[in-house]
Amino acid sequence: MNSIASLYLKNQVQTNSPGKLVLMLYDGVKRFTSQGIKAVEKNDNEGANNHFIRSQDILLELMSGINLEAGEIAKNLYYIYEYMHYRLVQANLKKEKEPAEEVLVMIGELRETWARMLKEKDSQGDIPPQKKAAAMGK
């Protein structure tokens, strides 16, 4: 990566909220998985390996950031990431695009859901839940 792109990425990581960083990671999984699929189609085994490993690394990073004590949703999200990681390993080992295509669908849905949640959060502002409930007459 050239130095300008590296500086831009570093700035993005340092200045974005944790929620937006998750979106960036989802985008990375999508980008590298897509590139891995294209490499498989071209019989570029080295390229496929490199791209699938980048996606796998991002998923491992997402998994490491989950607080499993936060409840059932956190555990379920962890298992989804773990499954996607497994499917990318299969795609990489067998140099097959089908498992990776499955991951693309899943990460696309997660990204869409996450983006919608962030948009709703932004539209509601950072009002504590107790005050939101009081404002709604609850």
Protein backbone atom coordinates (compact mmCIF):
# COMPACT_ATOMS: atom_id res chain seq x y z
CA MET A 1 0.00 0.00 0.00
CA ASN A 2 1.43 3.38 -0.89
CA SER A 3 2.15 5.90 1.83
CA ILE A 4 -0.75 8.24 0.99
CA ALA A 5 -3.29 5.43 1.09
CA SER A 6 -1.71 4.15 4.30
CA LEU A 7 -1.98 7.58 5.94
CA TYR A 8 -5.60 7.92 4.80
CA LEU A 9 -6.51 4.51 6.24
CA LYS A 10 -4.73 5.30 9.51
CA ASN A 11 -6.66 8.57 9.76
CA GLN A 12 -9.96 6.78 9.05
CA VAL A 13 -9.31 4.22 11.79
CA GLN A 14 -8.29 6.86 14.33
CA THR A 15 -11.17 9.25 13.71
CA ASN A 16 -14.20 7.02 13.14
CA SER A 17 -16.54 5.70 15.80
CA PRO A 18 -16.37 2.02 16.77
CA GLY A 19 -19.62 1.44 14.89
CA LYS A 20 -18.24 2.90 11.68
CA LEU A 21 -15.04 0.89 12.12
CA VAL A 22 -17.16 -2.27 12.09
CA LEU A 23 -18.65 -1.11 8.78
CA MET A 24 -15.13 -0.62 7.42
CA LEU A 25 -14.22 -4.15 8.51
CA TYR A 26 -17.35 -5.55 6.85
CA ASP A 27 -16.39 -3.67 3.68
CA GLY A 28 -12.93 -5.22 3.89
CA VAL A 29 -14.37 -8.73 4.14
CA LYS A 30 -16.57 -8.02 1.13
CA ARG A 31 -13.72 -6.56 -0.92
CA PHE A 32 -11.15 -9.28 -0.19
CA THR A 33 -13.67 -12.10 -0.53
CA SER A 34 -14.77 -10.74 -3.91
CA GLN A 35 -11.14 -10.49 -5.00
CA GLY A 36 -10.57 -14.06 -3.81
CA ILE A 37 -13.50 -15.28 -5.88
CA LYS A 38 -12.15 -13.50 -8.96
CA ALA A 39 -8.75 -15.08 -8.36
CA VAL A 40 -10.34 -18.55 -8.11
CA GLU A 41 -12.13 -17.93 -11.42
CA LYS A 42 -8.77 -17.04 -13.01
CA ASN A 43 -7.07 -20.10 -11.45
CA ASP A 44 -4.79 -17.70 -9.56
CA ASN A 45 -4.27 -19.87 -6.47
CA GLU A 46 -1.76 -17.53 -4.85
CA GLY A 47 -4.05 -14.53 -5.30
CA ALA A 48 -7.04 -16.46 -3.98
CA ASN A 49 -5.04 -17.56 -0.96
CA ASN A 50 -3.88 -14.02 -0.19
CA HIS A 51 -7.34 -12.49 -0.51
CA PHE A 52 -9.16 -15.20 1.44
CA ILE A 53 -6.57 -14.99 4.22
CA ARG A 54 -7.12 -11.22 4.44
CA SER A 55 -10.87 -11.81 4.83
CA GLN A 56 -10.24 -14.51 7.42
CA ASP A 57 -7.97 -12.17 9.39
CA ILE A 58 -10.64 -9.47 9.44
CA LEU A 59 -13.22 -11.96 10.68
CA LEU A 60 -10.84 -13.06 13.44
CA GLU A 61 -10.44 -9.40 14.41
CA LEU A 62 -14.22 -8.99 14.54
CA MET A 63 -14.49 -12.14 16.66
CA SER A 64 -11.84 -10.93 19.09
CA GLY A 65 -13.76 -7.69 19.64
CA ILE A 66 -16.94 -9.38 20.86
CA ASN A 67 -17.69 -9.41 24.56
CA LEU A 68 -19.24 -12.86 24.94
CA GLU A 69 -20.56 -11.90 28.38
CA ALA A 70 -22.77 -9.25 26.77
CA GLY A 71 -25.53 -11.76 26.10
CA GLU A 72 -27.08 -14.04 23.55
CA ILE A 73 -26.87 -11.59 20.64
CA ALA A 74 -23.11 -11.23 21.12
CA LYS A 75 -22.67 -15.01 21.21
CA ASN A 76 -24.78 -15.46 18.09
CA LEU A 77 -22.79 -12.82 16.24
CA TYR A 78 -19.58 -14.57 17.27
CA TYR A 79 -20.91 -17.86 15.88
CA ILE A 80 -21.87 -16.17 12.61
CA TYR A 81 -18.34 -14.77 12.25
CA GLU A 82 -16.91 -18.17 13.13
CA TYR A 83 -19.04 -19.86 10.46
CA MET A 84 -18.03 -17.33 7.82
CA HIS A 85 -14.38 -17.84 8.75
CA TYR A 86 -14.84 -21.62 8.39
CA ARG A 87 -16.43 -21.19 4.95
CA LEU A 88 -13.57 -18.98 3.79
CA VAL A 89 -11.08 -21.58 4.96
CA GLN A 90 -12.99 -24.15 2.88
CA ALA A 91 -13.01 -21.83 -0.14
CA ASN A 92 -9.30 -21.29 0.24
CA LEU A 93 -8.34 -24.94 0.75
CA LYS A 94 -10.47 -26.25 -2.11
CA LYS A 95 -10.13 -23.13 -4.29
CA GLU A 96 -13.90 -23.10 -4.71
CA LYS A 97 -15.93 -19.95 -5.00
CA GLU A 98 -19.27 -21.25 -3.64
CA PRO A 99 -18.34 -21.08 0.07
CA ALA A 100 -16.94 -17.58 -0.47
CA GLU A 101 -20.09 -16.50 -2.30
CA GLU A 102 -22.09 -17.63 0.73
CA VAL A 103 -19.89 -15.42 2.91
CA LEU A 104 -20.48 -12.47 0.58
CA VAL A 105 -24.24 -12.80 1.04
CA MET A 106 -23.93 -13.10 4.81
CA ILE A 107 -21.52 -10.20 5.25
CA GLY A 108 -23.68 -8.06 2.95
CA GLU A 109 -26.71 -8.69 5.14
CA LEU A 110 -24.75 -7.98 8.32
CA ARG A 111 -23.37 -4.77 6.85
CA GLU A 112 -26.81 -3.60 5.77
CA THR A 113 -28.26 -4.32 9.22
CA TRP A 114 -25.32 -2.64 10.99
CA ALA A 115 -25.55 0.45 8.76
CA ARG A 116 -29.30 0.70 9.41
CA MET A 117 -28.71 0.42 13.17
CA LEU A 118 -26.06 3.17 13.07
CA LYS A 119 -28.37 5.40 11.04
CA GLU A 120 -31.17 4.92 13.57
CA LYS A 121 -28.77 5.60 16.43
CA ASP A 122 -27.55 8.79 14.74
CA SER A 123 -31.10 9.97 14.15
CA GLN A 124 -31.96 9.41 17.82
CA GLY A 125 -28.79 11.05 19.08
CA ASP A 126 -26.93 9.91 22.15
CA ILE A 127 -29.88 10.15 24.51
CA PRO A 128 -29.66 7.63 27.39
CA PRO A 129 -32.36 4.89 27.19
CA GLN A 130 -34.04 6.09 30.42
CA LYS A 131 -34.54 9.59 28.98
CA LYS A 132 -35.80 8.18 25.67
CA ALA A 133 -38.37 6.11 27.55
CA ALA A 134 -39.42 9.13 29.63
CA ALA A 135 -39.72 11.25 26.49
CA MET A 136 -41.98 8.62 24.95
CA GLY A 137 -44.20 8.60 28.04
CA LYS A 138 -43.09 5.20 29.29
